[in-house]
């Protein structure tokens, strides 16, 4: 069954990335940390391909195509972790 991540999972992921879960957190966030850790472990088991040779050029081109107004209009927008 596929896992679905929610806003609390985003908070748990932020906590993992920023503090390694050493900081204090609410019980509900602590529960979500377990879910996020299981997803990250699964991702860690996936094979890793070398990035394309033109990755930097493609990234810069995409950034240049992205209108700055979209970033200004939604400065706190984060795309969903998983759908």
Protein backbone atom coordinates (compact mmCIF):
# COMPACT_ATOMS: atom_id res chain seq x y z
CA UNK A 1 0.00 0.00 0.00
CA UNK A 2 1.53 3.35 -0.98
CA UNK A 3 2.29 5.77 1.80
CA UNK A 4 0.80 9.25 1.66
CA UNK A 5 2.63 12.09 3.36
CA UNK A 6 0.78 14.95 5.05
CA UNK A 7 1.63 18.39 6.50
CA UNK A 8 2.70 16.80 9.81
CA UNK A 9 5.09 14.66 7.75
CA UNK A 10 6.60 17.82 6.27
CA UNK A 11 7.12 19.12 9.81
CA UNK A 12 8.68 15.81 10.82
CA UNK A 13 10.97 15.87 7.79
CA UNK A 14 12.02 19.44 8.60
CA UNK A 15 12.75 18.34 12.17
CA UNK A 16 14.83 15.39 10.95
CA UNK A 17 16.81 17.53 8.54
CA UNK A 18 17.37 20.42 10.94
CA UNK A 19 18.00 18.69 14.26
CA UNK A 20 18.22 14.96 13.67
CA UNK A 21 15.19 14.66 16.00
CA UNK A 22 17.26 15.80 18.94
CA UNK A 23 14.93 18.72 19.62
CA UNK A 24 11.70 18.55 21.55
CA UNK A 25 8.57 17.93 19.53
CA UNK A 26 4.94 17.13 20.09
CA UNK A 27 3.81 13.52 20.29
CA UNK A 28 1.93 13.76 16.99
CA UNK A 29 5.04 15.03 15.20
CA UNK A 30 7.15 12.32 16.86
CA UNK A 31 4.71 9.71 15.49
CA UNK A 32 5.09 11.17 12.01
CA UNK A 33 8.90 11.06 12.32
CA UNK A 34 8.62 7.25 12.29
CA UNK A 35 6.59 7.39 9.07
CA UNK A 36 9.03 9.80 7.43
CA UNK A 37 12.01 7.70 8.53
CA UNK A 38 10.45 4.58 6.97
CA UNK A 39 9.90 6.43 3.68
CA UNK A 40 13.48 7.75 3.74
CA UNK A 41 14.82 4.25 4.41
CA UNK A 42 12.85 2.96 1.44
CA UNK A 43 14.22 5.76 -0.74
CA UNK A 44 17.72 4.94 0.54
CA UNK A 45 17.37 1.40 -0.81
CA UNK A 46 16.57 2.59 -4.33
CA UNK A 47 19.34 2.38 -6.93
CA UNK A 48 21.07 5.65 -7.74
CA UNK A 49 21.87 6.60 -11.32
CA UNK A 50 24.53 9.13 -12.22
CA UNK A 51 23.04 12.54 -12.97
CA UNK A 52 22.95 13.66 -16.61
CA UNK A 53 26.05 15.49 -17.78
CA UNK A 54 23.98 18.57 -18.64
CA UNK A 55 22.12 18.77 -15.31
CA UNK A 56 23.55 22.16 -14.34
CA UNK A 57 22.71 23.70 -17.70
CA UNK A 58 19.17 22.27 -17.65
CA UNK A 59 18.61 23.54 -14.09
CA UNK A 60 19.82 27.04 -14.93
CA UNK A 61 17.63 27.12 -18.05
CA UNK A 62 14.58 26.08 -16.05
CA UNK A 63 15.25 28.70 -13.39
CA UNK A 64 15.51 31.34 -16.08
CA UNK A 65 12.15 30.23 -17.56
CA UNK A 66 10.38 30.37 -14.17
CA UNK A 67 8.72 33.75 -13.69
CA UNK A 68 10.00 35.55 -10.59
CA UNK A 69 6.46 36.85 -10.01
CA UNK A 70 5.31 33.33 -9.13
CA UNK A 71 7.94 33.14 -6.40
CA UNK A 72 6.99 36.57 -5.09
CA UNK A 73 3.26 35.77 -5.10
CA UNK A 74 3.69 32.48 -3.18
CA UNK A 75 6.93 32.83 -1.18
CA UNK A 76 6.03 30.08 1.32
CA UNK A 77 4.66 27.56 -1.17
CA UNK A 78 6.11 24.09 -0.90
CA UNK A 79 5.12 21.37 -3.33
CA UNK A 80 3.72 18.19 -1.73
CA UNK A 81 6.31 15.66 -0.60
CA UNK A 82 4.44 12.78 -2.20
CA UNK A 83 1.04 12.37 -3.70
